[in-house]
Amino acid sequence: MASKKPVEDPVKICKWDGIAVKNALDDGIRSILINALPYTEDVSLLDGRLFICATAVAVAMFALLWDFLYPFPLSRPVLIFCVGTYFFLMVVFTLYTTYKIKGIFGVFIQKDPAGLDPDCRWEASSNMKKFDDMYELTLTFSDGNMKRLESSLNTSVGAFFDENGVLCMDLLQDAVLKLHGSIENDKKEL
């Protein structure tokens, strides 16, 4: 008996919630790049974020445990160290998300079929200003030889949602694959 892919329910959101609209589009684009193209997702950016946060939580839990075992006057130097470390880790986290991640919601690896060249990397990032209907999608291609290509799409979110707030995946897929194809054409010219 052949197994079928599970049919996904259409994504329905409140059209007036800008964050929900942006997240629905980001998730849709991520699923298109994984399912329609032969790419694998690289979660190293997410892992870095989780590592910084887990370390900060571990420091806070250590401070809590130390203060429980050795009440306040004895635990003062350890608490000062833990609070300073937590503050430092939150600064590192803020810098990491601001300058390293910069709106990137997906990193995808394109393996070389022959296995001779380094893997190519695709990054998908988006931007949508508050109280604005314009959604900016940027696809960035970088091969293993430090060559980078970038292409952007700036369009209204109304182009991808119907009047009931349902995401039209076929329209989104057409736009994403067209943007991807423009980078593929530019790759051939390199």
N, C-alpha and C. Protein backbone atom coordinates (compact mmCIF):
# COMPACT_ATOMS: atom_id res chain seq x y z
N MET A 1 0.84 -1.17 0.00
CA MET A 1 0.00 0.00 0.00
C MET A 1 0.89 1.24 0.00
N ALA A 2 0.67 2.12 -0.92
CA ALA A 2 1.51 3.32 -1.05
C ALA A 2 1.11 4.34 0.00
N SER A 3 2.13 4.96 0.57
CA SER A 3 1.84 6.00 1.56
C SER A 3 1.72 7.34 0.85
N LYS A 4 0.77 8.13 1.30
CA LYS A 4 0.53 9.43 0.71
C LYS A 4 1.06 10.51 1.65
N LYS A 5 1.44 11.64 1.05
CA LYS A 5 1.84 12.77 1.87
C LYS A 5 0.60 13.30 2.58
N PRO A 6 0.75 13.69 3.84
CA PRO A 6 -0.42 14.24 4.52
C PRO A 6 -0.81 15.58 3.89
N VAL A 7 -2.09 15.75 3.71
CA VAL A 7 -2.60 16.99 3.13
C VAL A 7 -2.59 18.05 4.23
N GLU A 8 -1.90 19.16 3.95
CA GLU A 8 -1.81 20.23 4.93
C GLU A 8 -3.05 21.11 4.85
N ASP A 9 -3.53 21.48 6.02
CA ASP A 9 -4.65 22.42 6.07
C ASP A 9 -4.16 23.79 5.65
N PRO A 10 -5.01 24.56 4.98
CA PRO A 10 -4.58 25.91 4.59
C PRO A 10 -4.36 26.77 5.84
N VAL A 11 -3.37 27.63 5.76
CA VAL A 11 -3.03 28.51 6.87
C VAL A 11 -3.99 29.69 6.87
N LYS A 12 -4.71 29.88 7.99
CA LYS A 12 -5.65 30.98 8.10
C LYS A 12 -5.22 31.85 9.27
N ILE A 13 -5.10 33.14 9.01
CA ILE A 13 -4.66 34.08 10.05
C ILE A 13 -5.56 35.31 10.03
N CYS A 14 -5.40 36.12 11.06
CA CYS A 14 -6.07 37.42 11.10
C CYS A 14 -5.28 38.37 10.21
N LYS A 15 -5.91 38.90 9.19
CA LYS A 15 -5.22 39.75 8.21
C LYS A 15 -4.67 41.03 8.82
N TRP A 16 -5.21 41.43 9.95
CA TRP A 16 -4.81 42.70 10.55
C TRP A 16 -3.68 42.55 11.56
N ASP A 17 -3.26 41.33 11.81
CA ASP A 17 -2.14 41.07 12.72
C ASP A 17 -0.87 40.94 11.89
N GLY A 18 -0.08 42.00 11.85
CA GLY A 18 1.11 42.04 10.99
C GLY A 18 2.13 40.96 11.32
N ILE A 19 2.31 40.67 12.60
CA ILE A 19 3.28 39.65 13.00
C ILE A 19 2.82 38.27 12.54
N ALA A 20 1.53 37.98 12.69
CA ALA A 20 1.01 36.69 12.24
C ALA A 20 1.12 36.55 10.72
N VAL A 21 0.89 37.64 10.00
CA VAL A 21 1.00 37.62 8.54
C VAL A 21 2.44 37.32 8.13
N LYS A 22 3.40 38.02 8.75
CA LYS A 22 4.81 37.82 8.41
C LYS A 22 5.25 36.39 8.75
N ASN A 23 4.85 35.90 9.92
CA ASN A 23 5.23 34.54 10.32
C ASN A 23 4.61 33.49 9.41
N ALA A 24 3.37 33.70 8.98
CA ALA A 24 2.73 32.75 8.06
C ALA A 24 3.45 32.72 6.72
N LEU A 25 3.82 33.89 6.22
CA LEU A 25 4.57 33.94 4.96
C LEU A 25 5.95 33.29 5.10
N ASP A 26 6.64 33.57 6.21
CA ASP A 26 7.95 32.97 6.44
C ASP A 26 7.86 31.45 6.50
N ASP A 27 6.87 30.94 7.22
CA ASP A 27 6.70 29.48 7.31
C ASP A 27 6.35 28.87 5.96
N GLY A 28 5.52 29.56 5.20
CA GLY A 28 5.17 29.07 3.87
C GLY A 28 6.37 29.02 2.94
N ILE A 29 7.19 30.05 2.99
CA ILE A 29 8.39 30.08 2.15
C ILE A 29 9.37 29.00 2.57
N ARG A 30 9.51 28.80 3.88
CA ARG A 30 10.40 27.74 4.37
C ARG A 30 9.93 26.38 3.87
N SER A 31 8.64 26.12 3.93
CA SER A 31 8.14 24.82 3.46
C SER A 31 8.30 24.68 1.94
N ILE A 32 8.17 25.76 1.20
CA ILE A 32 8.37 25.70 -0.25
C ILE A 32 9.82 25.36 -0.57
N LEU A 33 10.75 26.02 0.10
CA LEU A 33 12.17 25.77 -0.18
C LEU A 33 12.60 24.36 0.23
N ILE A 34 11.94 23.78 1.21
CA ILE A 34 12.29 22.42 1.62
C ILE A 34 11.59 21.38 0.75
N ASN A 35 10.31 21.59 0.45
CA ASN A 35 9.53 20.57 -0.25
C ASN A 35 9.62 20.66 -1.77
N ALA A 36 9.65 21.86 -2.32
CA ALA A 36 9.64 22.00 -3.78
C ALA A 36 11.05 21.94 -4.38
N LEU A 37 12.05 22.17 -3.57
CA LEU A 37 13.43 22.17 -4.06
C LEU A 37 14.24 21.14 -3.26
N PRO A 38 15.29 20.60 -3.84
CA PRO A 38 16.03 19.52 -3.16
C PRO A 38 17.05 20.06 -2.15
N TYR A 39 16.60 20.87 -1.21
CA TYR A 39 17.49 21.45 -0.23
C TYR A 39 17.21 20.88 1.15
N THR A 40 18.23 20.90 1.98
CA THR A 40 18.05 20.52 3.38
C THR A 40 18.23 21.77 4.23
N GLU A 41 17.49 21.84 5.32
CA GLU A 41 17.55 23.02 6.17
C GLU A 41 18.73 22.92 7.13
N ASP A 42 19.44 24.02 7.27
CA ASP A 42 20.56 24.13 8.21
C ASP A 42 20.08 24.96 9.39
N VAL A 43 20.11 24.37 10.57
CA VAL A 43 19.57 25.05 11.75
C VAL A 43 20.67 25.59 12.67
N SER A 44 21.85 25.84 12.12
CA SER A 44 22.97 26.28 12.97
C SER A 44 22.71 27.67 13.56
N LEU A 45 22.03 28.57 12.85
CA LEU A 45 21.71 29.88 13.44
C LEU A 45 20.78 29.72 14.63
N LEU A 46 19.79 28.86 14.50
CA LEU A 46 18.88 28.59 15.60
C LEU A 46 19.60 27.92 16.75
N ASP A 47 20.51 27.00 16.45
CA ASP A 47 21.28 26.34 17.49
C ASP A 47 22.14 27.33 18.27
N GLY A 48 22.71 28.30 17.59
CA GLY A 48 23.50 29.33 18.27
C GLY A 48 22.65 30.14 19.23
N ARG A 49 21.45 30.49 18.78
CA ARG A 49 20.52 31.23 19.64
C ARG A 49 20.13 30.40 20.86
N LEU A 50 19.82 29.13 20.63
CA LEU A 50 19.44 28.26 21.74
C LEU A 50 20.59 28.05 22.71
N PHE A 51 21.82 27.94 22.21
CA PHE A 51 22.97 27.75 23.09
C PHE A 51 23.18 28.95 24.01
N ILE A 52 23.08 30.15 23.45
CA ILE A 52 23.26 31.36 24.26
C ILE A 52 22.17 31.44 25.33
N CYS A 53 20.93 31.18 24.95
CA CYS A 53 19.82 31.25 25.91
C CYS A 53 19.91 30.15 26.96
N ALA A 54 20.28 28.94 26.55
CA ALA A 54 20.41 27.84 27.51
C ALA A 54 21.52 28.11 28.51
N THR A 55 22.61 28.71 28.05
CA THR A 55 23.70 29.06 28.97
C THR A 55 23.24 30.11 29.97
N ALA A 56 22.48 31.10 29.51
CA ALA A 56 21.98 32.14 30.40
C ALA A 56 21.02 31.56 31.43
N VAL A 57 20.16 30.65 31.02
CA VAL A 57 19.22 30.02 31.95
C VAL A 57 19.98 29.14 32.95
N ALA A 58 21.02 28.44 32.49
CA ALA A 58 21.82 27.61 33.39
C ALA A 58 22.51 28.48 34.44
N VAL A 59 23.01 29.64 34.05
CA VAL A 59 23.64 30.55 35.01
C VAL A 59 22.61 31.03 36.03
N ALA A 60 21.41 31.37 35.58
CA ALA A 60 20.36 31.82 36.49
C ALA A 60 19.93 30.70 37.44
N MET A 61 19.83 29.48 36.93
CA MET A 61 19.47 28.35 37.79
C MET A 61 20.57 28.05 38.81
N PHE A 62 21.83 28.18 38.40
CA PHE A 62 22.93 27.99 39.33
C PHE A 62 22.88 29.03 40.45
N ALA A 63 22.57 30.28 40.09
CA ALA A 63 22.46 31.33 41.10
C ALA A 63 21.32 31.03 42.07
N LEU A 64 20.21 30.55 41.56
CA LEU A 64 19.08 30.20 42.41
C LEU A 64 19.43 29.06 43.35
N LEU A 65 20.08 28.03 42.83
CA LEU A 65 20.48 26.88 43.66
C LEU A 65 21.51 27.30 44.70
N TRP A 66 22.49 28.09 44.30
CA TRP A 66 23.53 28.52 45.23
C TRP A 66 22.95 29.36 46.36
N ASP A 67 22.00 30.24 46.01
CA ASP A 67 21.36 31.06 47.03
C ASP A 67 20.49 30.22 47.96
N PHE A 68 19.92 29.14 47.44
CA PHE A 68 19.12 28.25 48.29
C PHE A 68 20.02 27.50 49.27
N LEU A 69 21.17 27.02 48.79
CA LEU A 69 22.07 26.25 49.64
C LEU A 69 22.83 27.13 50.63
N TYR A 70 23.21 28.31 50.21
CA TYR A 70 23.95 29.25 51.06
C TYR A 70 23.19 30.57 51.05
N PRO A 71 22.35 30.82 52.05
CA PRO A 71 21.51 32.02 52.06
C PRO A 71 22.30 33.32 51.86
N PHE A 72 21.58 34.39 51.62
CA PHE A 72 22.09 35.62 51.01
C PHE A 72 23.46 36.12 51.48
N PRO A 73 23.71 36.36 52.71
CA PRO A 73 25.02 37.00 52.95
C PRO A 73 26.19 36.15 52.45
N LEU A 74 26.06 34.84 52.49
CA LEU A 74 27.15 33.98 52.03
C LEU A 74 27.20 33.89 50.50
N SER A 75 26.08 34.02 49.85
CA SER A 75 26.02 33.83 48.40
C SER A 75 26.21 35.12 47.60
N ARG A 76 26.49 36.22 48.27
CA ARG A 76 26.56 37.52 47.59
C ARG A 76 27.57 37.54 46.44
N PRO A 77 28.82 37.09 46.60
CA PRO A 77 29.75 37.15 45.46
C PRO A 77 29.32 36.28 44.28
N VAL A 78 28.76 35.12 44.57
CA VAL A 78 28.31 34.23 43.49
C VAL A 78 27.13 34.86 42.77
N LEU A 79 26.21 35.48 43.51
CA LEU A 79 25.06 36.14 42.88
C LEU A 79 25.51 37.31 42.01
N ILE A 80 26.47 38.08 42.47
CA ILE A 80 26.98 39.19 41.67
C ILE A 80 27.60 38.66 40.38
N PHE A 81 28.38 37.60 40.48
CA PHE A 81 28.99 37.01 39.29
C PHE A 81 27.93 36.49 38.33
N CYS A 82 26.91 35.80 38.85
CA CYS A 82 25.87 35.23 37.99
C CYS A 82 25.03 36.31 37.32
N VAL A 83 24.72 37.38 38.05
CA VAL A 83 23.95 38.47 37.45
C VAL A 83 24.77 39.14 36.35
N GLY A 84 26.05 39.36 36.60
CA GLY A 84 26.92 39.95 35.58
C GLY A 84 27.05 39.06 34.36
N THR A 85 27.19 37.75 34.59
CA THR A 85 27.29 36.81 33.48
C THR A 85 25.99 36.77 32.67
N TYR A 86 24.85 36.78 33.37
CA TYR A 86 23.56 36.78 32.68
C TYR A 86 23.41 38.04 31.82
N PHE A 87 23.77 39.19 32.38
CA PHE A 87 23.69 40.44 31.62
C PHE A 87 24.60 40.38 30.39
N PHE A 88 25.81 39.88 30.56
CA PHE A 88 26.75 39.75 29.43
C PHE A 88 26.17 38.83 28.36
N LEU A 89 25.58 37.70 28.76
CA LEU A 89 25.02 36.76 27.78
C LEU A 89 23.83 37.37 27.05
N MET A 90 23.04 38.20 27.72
CA MET A 90 21.93 38.85 27.04
C MET A 90 22.43 39.91 26.04
N VAL A 91 23.54 40.56 26.34
CA VAL A 91 24.14 41.49 25.38
C VAL A 91 24.64 40.71 24.17
N VAL A 92 25.30 39.57 24.41
CA VAL A 92 25.77 38.73 23.31
C VAL A 92 24.59 38.25 22.47
N PHE A 93 23.50 37.85 23.13
CA PHE A 93 22.31 37.38 22.43
C PHE A 93 21.71 38.49 21.55
N THR A 94 21.64 39.70 22.09
CA THR A 94 21.10 40.82 21.33
C THR A 94 21.97 41.13 20.12
N LEU A 95 23.28 41.14 20.30
CA LEU A 95 24.18 41.39 19.18
C LEU A 95 24.09 40.27 18.14
N TYR A 96 23.97 39.04 18.60
CA TYR A 96 23.87 37.89 17.69
C TYR A 96 22.61 37.98 16.84
N THR A 97 21.48 38.28 17.47
CA THR A 97 20.23 38.35 16.70
C THR A 97 20.18 39.59 15.81
N THR A 98 20.82 40.67 16.23
CA THR A 98 20.77 41.91 15.45
C THR A 98 21.71 41.88 14.25
N TYR A 99 22.94 41.41 14.45
CA TYR A 99 23.94 41.50 13.40
C TYR A 99 24.21 40.20 12.67
N LYS A 100 24.00 39.08 13.29
CA LYS A 100 24.27 37.79 12.63
C LYS A 100 23.01 37.26 11.94
N ILE A 101 21.90 37.26 12.65
CA ILE A 101 20.67 36.68 12.10
C ILE A 101 19.97 37.66 11.16
N LYS A 102 19.78 38.91 11.54
CA LYS A 102 19.25 39.97 10.68
C LYS A 102 17.99 39.59 9.91
N GLY A 103 17.03 38.97 10.53
CA GLY A 103 15.79 38.64 9.84
C GLY A 103 15.84 37.36 9.04
N ILE A 104 16.93 36.61 9.12
CA ILE A 104 17.03 35.34 8.39
C ILE A 104 16.13 34.33 9.09
N PHE A 105 15.20 33.76 8.35
CA PHE A 105 14.32 32.76 8.94
C PHE A 105 14.59 31.36 8.41
N GLY A 106 15.46 31.23 7.45
CA GLY A 106 15.78 29.91 6.93
C GLY A 106 17.11 29.89 6.22
N VAL A 107 17.90 28.87 6.52
CA VAL A 107 19.17 28.64 5.83
C VAL A 107 19.07 27.24 5.24
N PHE A 108 19.36 27.12 3.96
CA PHE A 108 19.19 25.86 3.25
C PHE A 108 20.48 25.50 2.53
N ILE A 109 20.81 24.23 2.55
CA ILE A 109 22.04 23.73 1.94
C ILE A 109 21.69 22.98 0.66
N GLN A 110 22.38 23.34 -0.42
CA GLN A 110 22.24 22.66 -1.70
C GLN A 110 23.50 21.84 -1.92
N LYS A 111 23.35 20.53 -1.85
CA LYS A 111 24.49 19.63 -2.01
C LYS A 111 24.91 19.58 -3.48
N ASP A 112 26.22 19.48 -3.70
CA ASP A 112 26.74 19.30 -5.05
C ASP A 112 26.48 17.86 -5.47
N PRO A 113 25.80 17.64 -6.60
CA PRO A 113 25.48 16.26 -7.01
C PRO A 113 26.72 15.39 -7.21
N ALA A 114 27.80 15.98 -7.71
CA ALA A 114 29.02 15.20 -7.94
C ALA A 114 29.82 15.02 -6.67
N GLY A 115 29.60 15.88 -5.69
CA GLY A 115 30.33 15.79 -4.44
C GLY A 115 31.73 16.38 -4.50
N LEU A 116 32.04 17.09 -5.57
CA LEU A 116 33.38 17.66 -5.72
C LEU A 116 33.46 19.09 -5.20
N ASP A 117 32.46 19.89 -5.52
CA ASP A 117 32.45 21.28 -5.09
C ASP A 117 31.86 21.40 -3.69
N PRO A 118 32.19 22.48 -3.00
CA PRO A 118 31.58 22.70 -1.68
C PRO A 118 30.07 22.93 -1.82
N ASP A 119 29.37 22.68 -0.73
CA ASP A 119 27.92 22.87 -0.74
C ASP A 119 27.58 24.35 -0.90
N CYS A 120 26.47 24.60 -1.57
CA CYS A 120 25.97 25.97 -1.74
C CYS A 120 25.00 26.26 -0.61
N ARG A 121 24.88 27.52 -0.27
CA ARG A 121 24.06 27.94 0.86
C ARG A 121 23.04 28.97 0.39
N TRP A 122 21.79 28.75 0.73
CA TRP A 122 20.71 29.68 0.42
C TRP A 122 20.18 30.23 1.74
N GLU A 123 20.03 31.54 1.82
CA GLU A 123 19.46 32.18 3.01
C GLU A 123 18.20 32.92 2.60
N ALA A 124 17.16 32.74 3.36
CA ALA A 124 15.91 33.45 3.13
C ALA A 124 15.67 34.39 4.31
N SER A 125 15.54 35.67 4.02
CA SER A 125 15.27 36.64 5.07
C SER A 125 14.09 37.50 4.64
N SER A 126 13.43 38.05 5.63
CA SER A 126 12.26 38.87 5.32
C SER A 126 12.23 40.09 6.22
N ASN A 127 11.46 41.05 5.78
CA ASN A 127 11.29 42.28 6.54
C ASN A 127 9.90 42.82 6.24
N MET A 128 9.23 43.24 7.29
CA MET A 128 7.92 43.86 7.14
C MET A 128 7.77 44.89 8.24
N LYS A 129 7.63 46.13 7.85
CA LYS A 129 7.54 47.21 8.82
C LYS A 129 6.18 47.17 9.51
N LYS A 130 6.17 47.71 10.72
CA LYS A 130 4.94 47.76 11.49
C LYS A 130 3.91 48.65 10.79
N PHE A 131 2.67 48.21 10.77
CA PHE A 131 1.55 48.93 10.15
C PHE A 131 1.75 49.14 8.65
N ASP A 132 2.48 48.24 8.01
CA ASP A 132 2.71 48.34 6.57
C ASP A 132 2.31 47.01 5.94
N ASP A 133 1.81 47.05 4.72
CA ASP A 133 1.41 45.81 4.06
C ASP A 133 2.47 45.29 3.10
N MET A 134 3.60 45.97 3.00
CA MET A 134 4.65 45.55 2.08
C MET A 134 5.57 44.54 2.75
N TYR A 135 5.70 43.40 2.10
CA TYR A 135 6.54 42.31 2.59
C TYR A 135 7.76 42.21 1.68
N GLU A 136 8.93 42.25 2.28
CA GLU A 136 10.17 42.16 1.51
C GLU A 136 10.83 40.82 1.79
N LEU A 137 10.99 40.02 0.75
CA LEU A 137 11.67 38.73 0.84
C LEU A 137 12.99 38.84 0.10
N THR A 138 14.05 38.39 0.73
CA THR A 138 15.37 38.40 0.12
C THR A 138 15.94 37.00 0.14
N LEU A 139 16.29 36.49 -1.03
CA LEU A 139 16.99 35.21 -1.14
C LEU A 139 18.44 35.50 -1.47
N THR A 140 19.34 34.89 -0.71
CA THR A 140 20.77 35.08 -0.92
C THR A 140 21.40 33.73 -1.19
N PHE A 141 22.14 33.66 -2.27
CA PHE A 141 22.86 32.44 -2.65
C PHE A 141 24.34 32.68 -2.44
N SER A 142 25.01 31.75 -1.80
CA SER A 142 26.47 31.83 -1.71
C SER A 142 27.03 30.44 -1.96
N ASP A 143 27.96 30.38 -2.91
CA ASP A 143 28.59 29.09 -3.18
C ASP A 143 29.80 28.94 -2.27
N GLY A 144 30.43 27.81 -2.33
CA GLY A 144 31.57 27.55 -1.47
C GLY A 144 32.79 28.37 -1.81
N ASN A 145 32.77 29.10 -2.92
CA ASN A 145 33.92 29.88 -3.37
C ASN A 145 33.76 31.37 -3.09
N MET A 146 32.94 31.71 -2.11
CA MET A 146 32.75 33.09 -1.65
C MET A 146 32.03 33.99 -2.66
N LYS A 147 31.33 33.45 -3.62
CA LYS A 147 30.54 34.26 -4.54
C LYS A 147 29.12 34.35 -3.98
N ARG A 148 28.57 35.57 -3.95
CA ARG A 148 27.24 35.78 -3.40
C ARG A 148 26.34 36.44 -4.44
N LEU A 149 25.13 35.95 -4.50
CA LEU A 149 24.10 36.56 -5.34
C LEU A 149 22.89 36.80 -4.45
N GLU A 150 22.19 37.90 -4.74
CA GLU A 150 21.04 38.25 -3.92
C GLU A 150 19.93 38.77 -4.82
N SER A 151 18.71 38.40 -4.47
CA SER A 151 17.56 38.88 -5.20
C SER A 151 16.43 39.13 -4.21
N SER A 152 15.67 40.19 -4.45
CA SER A 152 14.61 40.57 -3.51
C SER A 152 13.27 40.68 -4.21
N LEU A 153 12.25 40.49 -3.43
CA LEU A 153 10.87 40.64 -3.86
C LEU A 153 10.19 41.54 -2.85
N ASN A 154 9.60 42.61 -3.31
CA ASN A 154 8.90 43.55 -2.43
C ASN A 154 7.48 43.68 -2.94
N THR A 155 6.53 43.10 -2.21
CA THR A 155 5.15 43.10 -2.67
C THR A 155 4.20 43.21 -1.49
N SER A 156 2.97 43.51 -1.78
CA SER A 156 1.94 43.60 -0.75
C SER A 156 1.55 42.20 -0.28
N VAL A 157 1.25 42.08 1.00
CA VAL A 157 0.84 40.78 1.52
C VAL A 157 -0.52 40.37 0.97
N GLY A 158 -1.27 41.33 0.46
CA GLY A 158 -2.56 41.02 -0.15
C GLY A 158 -2.45 40.15 -1.38
N ALA A 159 -1.26 40.08 -1.96
CA ALA A 159 -1.06 39.24 -3.13
C ALA A 159 -1.04 37.76 -2.77
N PHE A 160 -0.85 37.43 -1.49
CA PHE A 160 -0.72 36.03 -1.08
C PHE A 160 -1.84 35.56 -0.16
N PHE A 161 -2.72 36.45 0.26
CA PHE A 161 -3.83 36.08 1.14
C PHE A 161 -5.15 36.43 0.47
N ASP A 162 -6.16 35.58 0.69
CA ASP A 162 -7.47 35.92 0.15
C ASP A 162 -8.23 36.78 1.17
N GLU A 163 -9.49 37.09 0.87
CA GLU A 163 -10.23 38.00 1.75
C GLU A 163 -10.57 37.39 3.10
N ASN A 164 -10.47 36.07 3.24
CA ASN A 164 -10.73 35.41 4.52
C ASN A 164 -9.47 35.21 5.35
N GLY A 165 -8.33 35.63 4.87
CA GLY A 165 -7.08 35.48 5.61
C GLY A 165 -6.40 34.15 5.40
N VAL A 166 -6.75 33.44 4.34
CA VAL A 166 -6.14 32.14 4.03
C VAL A 166 -4.96 32.37 3.10
N LEU A 167 -3.83 31.77 3.46
CA LEU A 167 -2.61 31.90 2.65
C LEU A 167 -2.76 31.07 1.38
N CYS A 168 -2.58 31.70 0.24
CA CYS A 168 -2.65 31.02 -1.06
C CYS A 168 -1.26 30.51 -1.40
N MET A 169 -1.00 29.24 -1.08
CA MET A 169 0.33 28.67 -1.24
C MET A 169 0.76 28.61 -2.70
N ASP A 170 -0.18 28.43 -3.62
CA ASP A 170 0.21 28.36 -5.03
C ASP A 170 0.75 29.69 -5.53
N LEU A 171 0.15 30.80 -5.12
CA LEU A 171 0.66 32.12 -5.51
C LEU A 171 2.01 32.40 -4.86
N LEU A 172 2.13 32.01 -3.59
CA LEU A 172 3.40 32.20 -2.90
C LEU A 172 4.50 31.35 -3.52
N GLN A 173 4.16 30.11 -3.86
CA GLN A 173 5.15 29.22 -4.47
C GLN A 173 5.61 29.76 -5.83
N ASP A 174 4.69 30.28 -6.61
CA ASP A 174 5.07 30.87 -7.90
C ASP A 174 6.05 32.03 -7.72
N ALA A 175 5.77 32.89 -6.74
CA ALA A 175 6.64 34.05 -6.51
C ALA A 175 8.01 33.62 -6.00
N VAL A 176 8.04 32.65 -5.09
CA VAL A 176 9.32 32.19 -4.53
C VAL A 176 10.15 31.48 -5.60
N LEU A 177 9.51 30.63 -6.38
CA LEU A 177 10.25 29.91 -7.42
C LEU A 177 10.73 30.86 -8.53
N LYS A 178 9.97 31.92 -8.80
CA LYS A 178 10.41 32.91 -9.78
C LYS A 178 11.64 33.66 -9.25
N LEU A 179 11.61 34.01 -7.98
CA LEU A 179 12.76 34.68 -7.36
C LEU A 179 13.97 33.75 -7.34
N HIS A 180 13.73 32.49 -7.01
CA HIS A 180 14.80 31.48 -7.01
C HIS A 180 15.36 31.30 -8.41
N GLY A 181 14.49 31.28 -9.41
CA GLY A 181 14.92 31.12 -10.80
C GLY A 181 15.77 32.29 -11.28
N SER A 182 15.46 33.50 -10.80
CA SER A 182 16.28 34.65 -11.21
C SER A 182 17.70 34.53 -10.67
N ILE A 183 17.85 33.97 -9.49
CA ILE A 183 19.20 33.75 -8.95
C ILE A 183 19.88 32.62 -9.71
N GLU A 184 19.14 31.58 -10.05
CA GLU A 184 19.71 30.47 -10.82
C GLU A 184 20.22 30.97 -12.18
N ASN A 185 19.48 31.87 -12.82
CA ASN A 185 19.93 32.43 -14.10
C ASN A 185 21.19 33.27 -13.92
N ASP A 186 21.26 34.03 -12.83
CA ASP A 186 22.46 34.83 -12.57
C ASP A 186 23.66 33.95 -12.24
N LYS A 187 23.41 32.77 -11.64
CA LYS A 187 24.51 31.84 -11.33
C LYS A 187 25.19 31.36 -12.60
N LYS A 188 24.42 31.15 -13.64
CA LYS A 188 24.98 30.64 -14.89
C LYS A 188 25.90 31.67 -15.55
N GLU A 189 25.66 32.95 -15.27
CA GLU A 189 26.48 34.00 -15.86
C GLU A 189 27.81 34.18 -15.15
N LEU A 190 27.94 33.62 -13.93
CA LEU A 190 29.20 33.77 -13.19
C LEU A 190 30.34 33.00 -13.82
